[in-house]
Amino acid sequence: MKRKVVLTCAVTGDGPIHPKYPDYPITPAQIARACLDVAAAGASIVHIHGRDPETGLGNRSPAIFREIVERVRAVNRDVVINLTTGMGGTFVPDPENEAVAHPTTDVASAEDRVRHVIENLPEICTLDATTMNLEGGIAGAPDCIFMNTPGTLRRMADLIRTVKSKPEIEVFNPGDILLARKLVEDGHIDEPPLFQLCLGVKWSAPADVKTLVYMKDLLPENAVWSAFGISRFQMQIVALSTILGGHCRVGLEDNIYLERGVFATNAQLVERAGRIITDLGCQVATPDEAREIFGLSTETVSRSLASGG
């Protein structure tokens, strides 16, 4: 029997949009449509961020997420929904005095960062076990820090457990894995843990085979894991992760190109990743197979569908 590989599509992040990219998903209707398109293309899971429909900027309002989830579930009640909790963790120091927060800082409480999870009951939500530098420069934005302190992570994980959503622990550096293992050992995250190895982000772990193998070997023995690569590394990491026994993520959040100078759609990225997985002798998991592989709570699945999200 061929091994089943769970394929996630991150249809839109919350970062700046390439000014020349046509029809990037921004509104709840557009984001939901992208989710439905990638599900039809074979994605097992859709990973969702919210954006302000007027400005296109990232928006973590529970109402925005609710509209996206309801639009998806009105058409497709099969695909697994994964909501981000990364928004609300961006500290932007004032370049003139780094002891002072720049007005673009968005640092929220643990409760605020998971409020949309509590209200929308996704089967999976992310938990970013990292603090890292992010370089500014886009549209004059200053340098910033994506900040997730251990205390905030503990509180977020505990709140996520109350609704039985499965945390997908996003790790960007080896030390992040050690912090996440401590959260698991202390009972804040149920076993077996689910990890996402995030590779190729500037100033974090590079997207290459040595790094992927090293980070994989740091995971708990019972961990289920997936990986993705940024930009031109996206499909390379799909292949490497599949070969090494992991699962995969693609999508416009991480890469907007099919090849140099050629913009991709989410569905095209899913289709290409699916071909790679198939050519390597595996099969893309159906949503129900993904639920079994990732150990999703049957209670959460039933309640999520019953609530429309």
C-alpha atoms as a PDB file:
ATOM      1  CA  MET A   1       0.000   0.000   0.000  1.00  0.00           C
ATOM      2  CA  LYS A   2       1.300   3.441  -0.889  1.00  0.00           C
ATOM      3  CA  ARG A   3       2.115   5.852   1.953  1.00  0.00           C
ATOM      4  CA  LYS A   4      -0.376   8.670   2.350  1.00  0.00           C
ATOM      5  CA  VAL A   5       1.079  12.188   2.436  1.00  0.00           C
ATOM      6  CA  VAL A   6      -0.985  15.020   3.914  1.00  0.00           C
ATOM      7  CA  LEU A   7      -0.870  18.080   1.650  1.00  0.00           C
ATOM      8  CA  THR A   8      -1.702  21.453   3.213  1.00  0.00           C
ATOM      9  CA  CYS A   9      -2.252  24.615   1.215  1.00  0.00           C
ATOM     10  CA  ALA A  10      -1.635  27.985   2.891  1.00  0.00           C
ATOM     11  CA  VAL A  11      -3.788  30.086   0.586  1.00  0.00           C
ATOM     12  CA  THR A  12      -2.804  33.541   1.867  1.00  0.00           C
ATOM     13  CA  GLY A  13      -0.583  34.815   4.639  1.00  0.00           C
ATOM     14  CA  ASP A  14      -0.830  38.214   6.299  1.00  0.00           C
ATOM     15  CA  GLY A  15       2.328  39.758   4.839  1.00  0.00           C
ATOM     16  CA  PRO A  16       2.751  42.361   2.094  1.00  0.00           C
ATOM     17  CA  ILE A  17       1.281  41.463  -1.295  1.00  0.00           C
ATOM     18  CA  HIS A  18       3.411  41.619  -4.438  1.00  0.00           C
ATOM     19  CA  PRO A  19       2.118  44.746  -6.236  1.00  0.00           C
ATOM     20  CA  LYS A  20       2.045  42.983  -9.622  1.00  0.00           C
ATOM     21  CA  TYR A  21       0.369  39.764  -8.503  1.00  0.00           C
ATOM     22  CA  PRO A  22      -3.123  39.614 -10.069  1.00  0.00           C
ATOM     23  CA  ASP A  23      -6.175  38.714  -7.971  1.00  0.00           C
ATOM     24  CA  TYR A  24      -4.410  37.809  -4.733  1.00  0.00           C
ATOM     25  CA  PRO A  25      -7.000  36.472  -2.245  1.00  0.00           C
ATOM     26  CA  ILE A  26      -7.921  39.321   0.112  1.00  0.00           C
ATOM     27  CA  THR A  27     -11.622  39.371   0.905  1.00  0.00           C
ATOM     28  CA  PRO A  28     -13.315  36.558   2.852  1.00  0.00           C
ATOM     29  CA  ALA A  29     -15.083  35.507  -0.349  1.00  0.00           C
ATOM     30  CA  GLN A  30     -11.802  35.365  -2.281  1.00  0.00           C
ATOM     31  CA  ILE A  31      -9.979  33.482   0.468  1.00  0.00           C
ATOM     32  CA  ALA A  32     -12.834  30.993   0.785  1.00  0.00           C
ATOM     33  CA  ARG A  33     -12.873  30.536  -2.996  1.00  0.00           C
ATOM     34  CA  ALA A  34      -9.141  29.806  -2.913  1.00  0.00           C
ATOM     35  CA  CYS A  35      -9.751  27.195  -0.211  1.00  0.00           C
ATOM     36  CA  LEU A  36     -12.430  25.524  -2.288  1.00  0.00           C
ATOM     37  CA  ASP A  37     -10.233  25.574  -5.394  1.00  0.00           C
ATOM     38  CA  VAL A  38      -7.301  23.883  -3.660  1.00  0.00           C
ATOM     39  CA  ALA A  39      -9.578  21.304  -2.059  1.00  0.00           C
ATOM     40  CA  ALA A  40     -10.839  20.466  -5.554  1.00  0.00           C
ATOM     41  CA  ALA A  41      -7.219  20.276  -6.719  1.00  0.00           C
ATOM     42  CA  GLY A  42      -6.464  17.671  -4.046  1.00  0.00           C
ATOM     43  CA  ALA A  43      -5.320  19.515  -0.912  1.00  0.00           C
ATOM     44  CA  SER A  44      -6.046  17.638   2.328  1.00  0.00           C
ATOM     45  CA  ILE A  45      -5.988  20.744   4.549  1.00  0.00           C
ATOM     46  CA  VAL A  46      -6.470  24.486   4.025  1.00  0.00           C
ATOM     47  CA  HIS A  47      -4.450  26.888   6.196  1.00  0.00           C
ATOM     48  CA  ILE A  48      -6.146  30.266   6.585  1.00  0.00           C
ATOM     49  CA  HIS A  49      -5.195  33.834   7.490  1.00  0.00           C
ATOM     50  CA  GLY A  50      -7.630  36.738   7.525  1.00  0.00           C
ATOM     51  CA  ARG A  51      -7.141  40.037   5.707  1.00  0.00           C
ATOM     52  CA  ASP A  52      -8.936  43.366   5.813  1.00  0.00           C
ATOM     53  CA  PRO A  53     -11.168  43.367   2.715  1.00  0.00           C
ATOM     54  CA  GLU A  54     -10.606  47.097   2.172  1.00  0.00           C
ATOM     55  CA  THR A  55      -6.845  47.471   2.752  1.00  0.00           C
ATOM     56  CA  GLY A  56      -5.609  43.924   2.158  1.00  0.00           C
ATOM     57  CA  LEU A  57      -3.613  44.043   5.411  1.00  0.00           C
ATOM     58  CA  GLY A  58      -3.629  41.121   7.835  1.00  0.00           C
ATOM     59  CA  ASN A  59      -6.701  41.071  10.081  1.00  0.00           C
ATOM     60  CA  ARG A  60      -7.251  38.663  12.992  1.00  0.00           C
ATOM     61  CA  SER A  61     -10.860  39.625  13.683  1.00  0.00           C
ATOM     62  CA  PRO A  62     -12.944  36.549  14.609  1.00  0.00           C
ATOM     63  CA  ALA A  63     -15.665  37.915  12.317  1.00  0.00           C
ATOM     64  CA  ILE A  64     -13.341  37.798   9.296  1.00  0.00           C
ATOM     65  CA  PHE A  65     -12.363  34.210  10.091  1.00  0.00           C
ATOM     66  CA  ARG A  66     -15.994  33.279  10.724  1.00  0.00           C
ATOM     67  CA  GLU A  67     -17.056  34.498   7.292  1.00  0.00           C
ATOM     68  CA  ILE A  68     -14.241  32.587   5.580  1.00  0.00           C
ATOM     69  CA  VAL A  69     -14.974  29.366   7.467  1.00  0.00           C
ATOM     70  CA  GLU A  70     -18.722  29.608   6.914  1.00  0.00           C
ATOM     71  CA  ARG A  71     -18.223  30.210   3.187  1.00  0.00           C
ATOM     72  CA  VAL A  72     -15.962  27.162   2.917  1.00  0.00           C
ATOM     73  CA  ARG A  73     -18.247  24.912   4.941  1.00  0.00           C
ATOM     74  CA  ALA A  74     -21.321  25.989   2.991  1.00  0.00           C
ATOM     75  CA  VAL A  75     -19.804  24.301  -0.072  1.00  0.00           C
ATOM     76  CA  ASN A  76     -17.262  21.787   1.263  1.00  0.00           C
ATOM     77  CA  ARG A  77     -17.704  20.055   4.624  1.00  0.00           C
ATOM     78  CA  ASP A  78     -14.879  17.597   3.988  1.00  0.00           C
ATOM     79  CA  VAL A  79     -11.636  19.552   3.750  1.00  0.00           C
ATOM     80  CA  VAL A  80      -9.749  20.023   7.044  1.00  0.00           C
ATOM     81  CA  ILE A  81      -9.561  23.641   8.242  1.00  0.00           C
ATOM     82  CA  ASN A  82      -6.419  25.017   9.899  1.00  0.00           C
ATOM     83  CA  LEU A  83      -6.512  28.582  11.279  1.00  0.00           C
ATOM     84  CA  THR A  84      -3.416  30.629  12.061  1.00  0.00           C
ATOM     85  CA  THR A  85      -2.743  32.051  15.528  1.00  0.00           C
ATOM     86  CA  GLY A  86       0.447  33.807  14.444  1.00  0.00           C
ATOM     87  CA  MET A  87      -1.152  37.212  14.096  1.00  0.00           C
ATOM     88  CA  GLY A  88      -0.779  39.457  17.122  1.00  0.00           C
ATOM     89  CA  GLY A  89       2.862  38.536  17.767  1.00  0.00           C
ATOM     90  CA  THR A  90       4.703  41.291  15.868  1.00  0.00           C
ATOM     91  CA  PHE A  91       6.787  43.738  17.893  1.00  0.00           C
ATOM     92  CA  VAL A  92       8.123  46.622  15.806  1.00  0.00           C
ATOM     93  CA  PRO A  93      10.716  48.720  17.652  1.00  0.00           C
ATOM     94  CA  ASP A  94      10.816  52.408  16.809  1.00  0.00           C
ATOM     95  CA  PRO A  95      13.991  52.788  14.705  1.00  0.00           C
ATOM     96  CA  GLU A  96      14.875  55.956  16.630  1.00  0.00           C
ATOM     97  CA  ASN A  97      14.434  54.308  20.040  1.00  0.00           C
ATOM     98  CA  GLU A  98      14.082  50.549  20.151  1.00  0.00           C
ATOM     99  CA  ALA A  99      12.809  50.674  23.737  1.00  0.00           C
ATOM    100  CA  VAL A 100       9.590  52.140  22.313  1.00  0.00           C
ATOM    101  CA  ALA A 101       7.072  50.299  20.139  1.00  0.00           C
ATOM    102  CA  HIS A 102       6.517  51.638  16.632  1.00  0.00           C
ATOM    103  CA  PRO A 103       2.820  52.363  15.840  1.00  0.00           C
ATOM    104  CA  THR A 104       2.707  49.323  13.545  1.00  0.00           C
ATOM    105  CA  THR A 105       3.375  46.959  16.466  1.00  0.00           C
ATOM    106  CA  ASP A 106       0.692  44.303  16.925  1.00  0.00           C
ATOM    107  CA  VAL A 107       1.314  42.398  20.148  1.00  0.00           C
ATOM    108  CA  ALA A 108      -1.839  40.897  21.619  1.00  0.00           C
ATOM    109  CA  SER A 109      -2.659  38.774  24.640  1.00  0.00           C
ATOM    110  CA  ALA A 110      -2.854  35.001  24.385  1.00  0.00           C
ATOM    111  CA  GLU A 111      -6.628  35.278  24.723  1.00  0.00           C
ATOM    112  CA  ASP A 112      -6.913  37.708  21.814  1.00  0.00           C
ATOM    113  CA  ARG A 113      -4.629  35.630  19.605  1.00  0.00           C
ATOM    114  CA  VAL A 114      -6.786  32.517  19.914  1.00  0.00           C
ATOM    115  CA  ARG A 115     -10.211  34.150  20.173  1.00  0.00           C
ATOM    116  CA  HIS A 116     -11.080  33.234  16.577  1.00  0.00           C
ATOM    117  CA  VAL A 117     -10.094  29.617  17.324  1.00  0.00           C
ATOM    118  CA  ILE A 118     -12.393  29.488  20.346  1.00  0.00           C
ATOM    119  CA  GLU A 119     -15.247  30.953  18.297  1.00  0.00           C
ATOM    120  CA  ASN A 120     -14.743  29.031  15.029  1.00  0.00           C
ATOM    121  CA  LEU A 121     -13.619  25.612  16.342  1.00  0.00           C
ATOM    122  CA  PRO A 122     -11.144  24.588  13.625  1.00  0.00           C
ATOM    123  CA  GLU A 123      -9.808  21.054  13.690  1.00  0.00           C
ATOM    124  CA  ILE A 124      -6.240  22.434  13.577  1.00  0.00           C
ATOM    125  CA  CYS A 125      -4.666  25.769  14.466  1.00  0.00           C
ATOM    126  CA  THR A 126      -1.047  26.836  14.355  1.00  0.00           C
ATOM    127  CA  LEU A 127       1.139  27.557  17.380  1.00  0.00           C
ATOM    128  CA  ASP A 128       4.374  29.362  16.498  1.00  0.00           C
ATOM    129  CA  ALA A 129       6.996  28.218  18.990  1.00  0.00           C
ATOM    130  CA  THR A 130       9.507  30.813  17.846  1.00  0.00           C
ATOM    131  CA  THR A 131      10.833  34.305  18.351  1.00  0.00           C
ATOM    132  CA  MET A 132      12.830  35.592  15.396  1.00  0.00           C
ATOM    133  CA  ASN A 133      14.047  38.658  13.526  1.00  0.00           C
ATOM    134  CA  LEU A 134      12.148  39.819  10.457  1.00  0.00           C
ATOM    135  CA  GLU A 135      13.747  42.385   8.179  1.00  0.00           C
ATOM    136  CA  GLY A 136      11.805  45.479   7.167  1.00  0.00           C
ATOM    137  CA  GLY A 137      12.259  47.468   4.005  1.00  0.00           C
ATOM    138  CA  ILE A 138       8.944  46.667   2.297  1.00  0.00           C
ATOM    139  CA  ALA A 139       6.951  49.880   1.846  1.00  0.00           C
ATOM    140  CA  GLY A 140       9.285  51.539   4.333  1.00  0.00           C
ATOM    141  CA  ALA A 141       8.449  49.092   7.128  1.00  0.00           C
ATOM    142  CA  PRO A 142      11.042  48.962   9.923  1.00  0.00           C
ATOM    143  CA  ASP A 143      12.737  45.795  11.167  1.00  0.00           C
ATOM    144  CA  CYS A 144      10.617  43.792  13.577  1.00  0.00           C
ATOM    145  CA  ILE A 145      10.514  40.744  15.824  1.00  0.00           C
ATOM    146  CA  PHE A 146       8.012  37.930  15.555  1.00  0.00           C
ATOM    147  CA  MET A 147       7.598  37.411  19.290  1.00  0.00           C
ATOM    148  CA  ASN A 148       6.208  34.351  21.041  1.00  0.00           C
ATOM    149  CA  THR A 149       7.418  34.159  24.624  1.00  0.00           C
ATOM    150  CA  PRO A 150       7.246  30.855  26.535  1.00  0.00           C
ATOM    151  CA  GLY A 151       4.567  32.194  28.879  1.00  0.00           C
ATOM    152  CA  THR A 152       2.350  33.350  26.038  1.00  0.00           C
ATOM    153  CA  LEU A 153       2.809  30.022  24.257  1.00  0.00           C
ATOM    154  CA  ARG A 154       1.802  28.132  27.399  1.00  0.00           C
ATOM    155  CA  ARG A 155      -1.350  30.216  27.771  1.00  0.00           C
ATOM    156  CA  MET A 156      -2.235  29.890  24.085  1.00  0.00           C
ATOM    157  CA  ALA A 157      -1.696  26.125  24.158  1.00  0.00           C
ATOM    158  CA  ASP A 158      -3.869  25.763  27.259  1.00  0.00           C
ATOM    159  CA  LEU A 159      -6.685  27.760  25.648  1.00  0.00           C
ATOM    160  CA  ILE A 160      -6.445  25.736  22.429  1.00  0.00           C
ATOM    161  CA  ARG A 161      -6.745  22.524  24.483  1.00  0.00           C
ATOM    162  CA  THR A 162     -10.073  23.717  25.910  1.00  0.00           C
ATOM    163  CA  VAL A 163     -11.705  23.426  22.455  1.00  0.00           C
ATOM    164  CA  LYS A 164      -9.708  20.305  21.474  1.00  0.00           C
ATOM    165  CA  SER A 165      -8.219  21.858  18.344  1.00  0.00           C
ATOM    166  CA  LYS A 166      -4.926  20.228  17.351  1.00  0.00           C
ATOM    167  CA  PRO A 167      -1.973  22.634  17.582  1.00  0.00           C
ATOM    168  CA  GLU A 168       0.263  22.519  14.538  1.00  0.00           C
ATOM    169  CA  ILE A 169       3.534  23.598  16.139  1.00  0.00           C
ATOM    170  CA  GLU A 170       5.402  25.803  13.671  1.00  0.00           C
ATOM    171  CA  VAL A 171       9.179  25.798  14.227  1.00  0.00           C
ATOM    172  CA  PHE A 172      11.667  27.928  12.314  1.00  0.00           C
ATOM    173  CA  ASN A 173      14.907  27.074  14.120  1.00  0.00           C
ATOM    174  CA  PRO A 174      16.286  24.076  16.036  1.00  0.00           C
ATOM    175  CA  GLY A 175      15.841  25.762  19.417  1.00  0.00           C
ATOM    176  CA  ASP A 176      12.146  26.188  18.697  1.00  0.00           C
ATOM    177  CA  ILE A 177      11.808  22.408  18.725  1.00  0.00           C
ATOM    178  CA  LEU A 178      13.404  22.193  22.153  1.00  0.00           C
ATOM    179  CA  LEU A 179      10.957  24.790  23.494  1.00  0.00           C
ATOM    180  CA  ALA A 180       8.026  22.928  21.927  1.00  0.00           C
ATOM    181  CA  ARG A 181       9.185  19.636  23.413  1.00  0.00           C
ATOM    182  CA  LYS A 182       9.111  21.275  26.843  1.00  0.00           C
ATOM    183  CA  LEU A 183       5.525  22.431  26.234  1.00  0.00           C
ATOM    184  CA  VAL A 184       4.591  18.855  25.370  1.00  0.00           C
ATOM    185  CA  GLU A 185       6.455  17.384  28.355  1.00  0.00           C
ATOM    186  CA  ASP A 186       4.727  19.819  30.713  1.00  0.00           C
ATOM    187  CA  GLY A 187       1.288  18.840  29.417  1.00  0.00           C
ATOM    188  CA  HIS A 188       0.361  22.010  27.573  1.00  0.00           C
ATOM    189  CA  ILE A 189       0.167  20.128  24.263  1.00  0.00           C
ATOM    190  CA  ASP A 190      -1.317  16.655  23.957  1.00  0.00           C
ATOM    191  CA  GLU A 191       0.654  13.799  22.468  1.00  0.00           C
ATOM    192  CA  PRO A 192       1.416  12.863  19.794  1.00  0.00           C
ATOM    193  CA  PRO A 193       2.474  16.388  18.795  1.00  0.00           C
ATOM    194  CA  LEU A 194       2.118  17.754  15.276  1.00  0.00           C
ATOM    195  CA  PHE A 195       5.052  19.820  13.950  1.00  0.00           C
ATOM    196  CA  GLN A 196       5.488  22.028  10.893  1.00  0.00           C
ATOM    197  CA  LEU A 197       9.154  22.615   9.942  1.00  0.00           C
ATOM    198  CA  CYS A 198       9.311  26.073   8.358  1.00  0.00           C
ATOM    199  CA  LEU A 199      12.424  26.466   6.219  1.00  0.00           C
ATOM    200  CA  GLY A 200      13.999  29.221   4.168  1.00  0.00           C
ATOM    201  CA  VAL A 201      12.630  32.262   6.017  1.00  0.00           C
ATOM    202  CA  LYS A 202      15.308  34.967   6.058  1.00  0.00           C
ATOM    203  CA  TRP A 203      17.498  34.820   9.207  1.00  0.00           C
ATOM    204  CA  SER A 204      16.052  31.449  10.198  1.00  0.00           C
ATOM    205  CA  ALA A 205      16.823  27.823   9.328  1.00  0.00           C
ATOM    206  CA  PRO A 206      17.766  27.384   5.653  1.00  0.00           C
ATOM    207  CA  ALA A 207      15.790  25.201   3.259  1.00  0.00           C
ATOM    208  CA  ASP A 208      18.264  22.430   2.546  1.00  0.00           C
ATOM    209  CA  VAL A 209      18.510  18.711   3.139  1.00  0.00           C
ATOM    210  CA  LYS A 210      21.020  18.918   6.013  1.00  0.00           C
ATOM    211  CA  THR A 211      18.828  21.328   7.968  1.00  0.00           C
ATOM    212  CA  LEU A 212      15.666  19.341   7.321  1.00  0.00           C
ATOM    213  CA  VAL A 213      17.271  16.096   8.495  1.00  0.00           C
ATOM    214  CA  TYR A 214      18.762  17.782  11.564  1.00  0.00           C
ATOM    215  CA  MET A 215      15.471  19.376  12.621  1.00  0.00           C
ATOM    216  CA  LYS A 216      13.557  16.176  11.917  1.00  0.00           C
ATOM    217  CA  ASP A 217      15.945  14.277  14.189  1.00  0.00           C
ATOM    218  CA  LEU A 218      15.274  16.751  17.036  1.00  0.00           C
ATOM    219  CA  LEU A 219      11.550  15.960  17.044  1.00  0.00           C
ATOM    220  CA  PRO A 220      10.018  13.657  19.669  1.00  0.00           C
ATOM    221  CA  GLU A 221       9.930  10.056  18.498  1.00  0.00           C
ATOM    222  CA  ASN A 222       6.127  10.019  18.331  1.00  0.00           C
ATOM    223  CA  ALA A 223       5.800  13.330  16.487  1.00  0.00           C
ATOM    224  CA  VAL A 224       3.902  13.669  13.237  1.00  0.00           C
ATOM    225  CA  TRP A 225       5.577  16.261  11.035  1.00  0.00           C
ATOM    226  CA  SER A 226       5.266  18.301   7.896  1.00  0.00           C
ATOM    227  CA  ALA A 227       7.600  20.785   6.237  1.00  0.00           C
ATOM    228  CA  PHE A 228       7.569  23.658   3.793  1.00  0.00           C
ATOM    229  CA  GLY A 229      10.128  25.776   1.985  1.00  0.00           C
ATOM    230  CA  ILE A 230       9.866  29.437   1.096  1.00  0.00           C
ATOM    231  CA  SER A 231       9.878  30.727  -2.483  1.00  0.00           C
ATOM    232  CA  ARG A 232      12.024  28.724  -4.920  1.00  0.00           C
ATOM    233  CA  PHE A 233      12.580  26.033  -2.293  1.00  0.00           C
ATOM    234  CA  GLN A 234       8.890  25.133  -2.026  1.00  0.00           C
ATOM    235  CA  MET A 235       8.819  22.116  -4.322  1.00  0.00           C
ATOM    236  CA  GLN A 236      12.277  20.927  -3.259  1.00  0.00           C
ATOM    237  CA  ILE A 237      11.033  20.628   0.320  1.00  0.00           C
ATOM    238  CA  VAL A 238       7.876  18.864  -0.894  1.00  0.00           C
ATOM    239  CA  ALA A 239      10.118  16.213  -2.434  1.00  0.00           C
ATOM    240  CA  LEU A 240      12.539  15.982   0.502  1.00  0.00           C
ATOM    241  CA  SER A 241       9.778  15.824   3.106  1.00  0.00           C
ATOM    242  CA  THR A 242       7.980  13.094   1.175  1.00  0.00           C
ATOM    243  CA  ILE A 243      11.184  11.067   0.838  1.00  0.00           C
ATOM    244  CA  LEU A 244      11.974  11.434   4.557  1.00  0.00           C
ATOM    245  CA  GLY A 245       8.530  10.278   5.707  1.00  0.00           C
ATOM    246  CA  GLY A 246       6.929  13.632   6.405  1.00  0.00           C
ATOM    247  CA  HIS A 247       4.036  15.639   5.035  1.00  0.00           C
ATOM    248  CA  CYS A 248       3.986  18.825   2.953  1.00  0.00           C
ATOM    249  CA  ARG A 249       2.712  22.376   2.635  1.00  0.00           C
ATOM    250  CA  VAL A 250       2.497  24.673  -0.376  1.00  0.00           C
ATOM    251  CA  GLY A 251       0.535  27.825  -1.216  1.00  0.00           C
ATOM    252  CA  LEU A 252       0.738  31.540  -1.921  1.00  0.00           C
ATOM    253  CA  GLU A 253       1.608  32.370   1.684  1.00  0.00           C
ATOM    254  CA  ASP A 254       5.033  30.843   1.093  1.00  0.00           C
ATOM    255  CA  ASN A 255       5.620  31.156  -2.659  1.00  0.00           C
ATOM    256  CA  ILE A 256       3.865  33.050  -5.463  1.00  0.00           C
ATOM    257  CA  TYR A 257       5.748  31.617  -8.460  1.00  0.00           C
ATOM    258  CA  LEU A 258       5.506  28.514 -10.654  1.00  0.00           C
ATOM    259  CA  GLU A 259       8.889  29.443 -12.073  1.00  0.00           C
ATOM    260  CA  ARG A 260      10.964  32.578 -12.326  1.00  0.00           C
ATOM    261  CA  GLY A 261       8.714  35.418 -13.482  1.00  0.00           C
ATOM    262  CA  VAL A 262       5.589  33.254 -13.748  1.00  0.00           C
ATOM    263  CA  PHE A 263       2.968  33.798 -11.063  1.00  0.00           C
ATOM    264  CA  ALA A 264       1.223  30.718  -9.675  1.00  0.00           C
ATOM    265  CA  THR A 265      -2.239  30.111  -8.314  1.00  0.00           C
ATOM    266  CA  ASN A 266      -2.816  28.118  -5.154  1.00  0.00           C
ATOM    267  CA  ALA A 267      -4.443  25.342  -7.165  1.00  0.00           C
ATOM    268  CA  GLN A 268      -1.467  25.114  -9.529  1.00  0.00           C
ATOM    269  CA  LEU A 269       0.915  24.756  -6.580  1.00  0.00           C
ATOM    270  CA  VAL A 270      -1.247  21.996  -5.092  1.00  0.00           C
ATOM    271  CA  GLU A 271      -1.398  20.184  -8.416  1.00  0.00           C
ATOM    272  CA  ARG A 272       2.387  20.353  -8.850  1.00  0.00           C
ATOM    273  CA  ALA A 273       3.018  19.155  -5.294  1.00  0.00           C
ATOM    274  CA  GLY A 274       0.546  16.322  -5.842  1.00  0.00           C
ATOM    275  CA  ARG A 275       2.451  15.198  -8.924  1.00  0.00           C
ATOM    276  CA  ILE A 276       5.728  15.200  -7.004  1.00  0.00           C
ATOM    277  CA  ILE A 277       4.215  13.140  -4.195  1.00  0.00           C
ATOM    278  CA  THR A 278       2.736  10.686  -6.693  1.00  0.00           C
ATOM    279  CA  ASP A 279       5.944  10.429  -8.736  1.00  0.00           C
ATOM    280  CA  LEU A 280       7.799   9.536  -5.536  1.00  0.00           C
ATOM    281  CA  GLY A 281       5.544   6.525  -5.038  1.00  0.00           C
ATOM    282  CA  CYS A 282       3.147   7.999  -2.474  1.00  0.00           C
ATOM    283  CA  GLN A 283      -0.442   9.254  -2.574  1.00  0.00           C
ATOM    284  CA  VAL A 284      -1.953  12.511  -1.375  1.00  0.00           C
ATOM    285  CA  ALA A 285      -4.125  11.820   1.664  1.00  0.00           C
ATOM    286  CA  THR A 286      -7.828  12.516   1.527  1.00  0.00           C
ATOM    287  CA  PRO A 287      -9.148  14.841   4.256  1.00  0.00           C
ATOM    288  CA  ASP A 288     -10.413  11.875   6.284  1.00  0.00           C
ATOM    289  CA  GLU A 289      -7.073  10.101   5.914  1.00  0.00           C
ATOM    290  CA  ALA A 290      -5.376  13.316   7.049  1.00  0.00           C
ATOM    291  CA  ARG A 291      -7.604  13.368  10.137  1.00  0.00           C
ATOM    292  CA  GLU A 292      -6.488   9.852  11.009  1.00  0.00           C
ATOM    293  CA  ILE A 293      -2.794  10.505  10.316  1.00  0.00           C
ATOM    294  CA  PHE A 294      -2.749  13.743  12.341  1.00  0.00           C
ATOM    295  CA  GLY A 295      -4.799  12.250  15.168  1.00  0.00           C
ATOM    296  CA  LEU A 296      -7.554  14.832  15.062  1.00  0.00           C
ATOM    297  CA  SER A 297     -10.227  14.608  17.718  1.00  0.00           C
ATOM    298  CA  THR A 298     -13.446  13.011  16.476  1.00  0.00           C
ATOM    299  CA  GLU A 299     -15.292  15.236  18.928  1.00  0.00           C
ATOM    300  CA  THR A 300     -13.700  18.338  17.401  1.00  0.00           C
ATOM    301  CA  VAL A 301     -14.489  17.155  13.877  1.00  0.00           C
ATOM    302  CA  SER A 302     -18.159  16.587  14.673  1.00  0.00           C
ATOM    303  CA  ARG A 303     -18.549  19.831  16.593  1.00  0.00           C
ATOM    304  CA  SER A 304     -16.681  21.814  13.937  1.00  0.00           C
ATOM    305  CA  LEU A 305     -18.951  20.583  11.186  1.00  0.00           C
ATOM    306  CA  ALA A 306     -22.092  21.016  13.280  1.00  0.00           C
ATOM    307  CA  SER A 307     -21.184  24.642  13.994  1.00  0.00           C
ATOM    308  CA  GLY A 308     -20.434  25.420  10.357  1.00  0.00           C
ATOM    309  CA  GLY A 309     -16.731  25.766  11.147  1.00  0.00           C
END
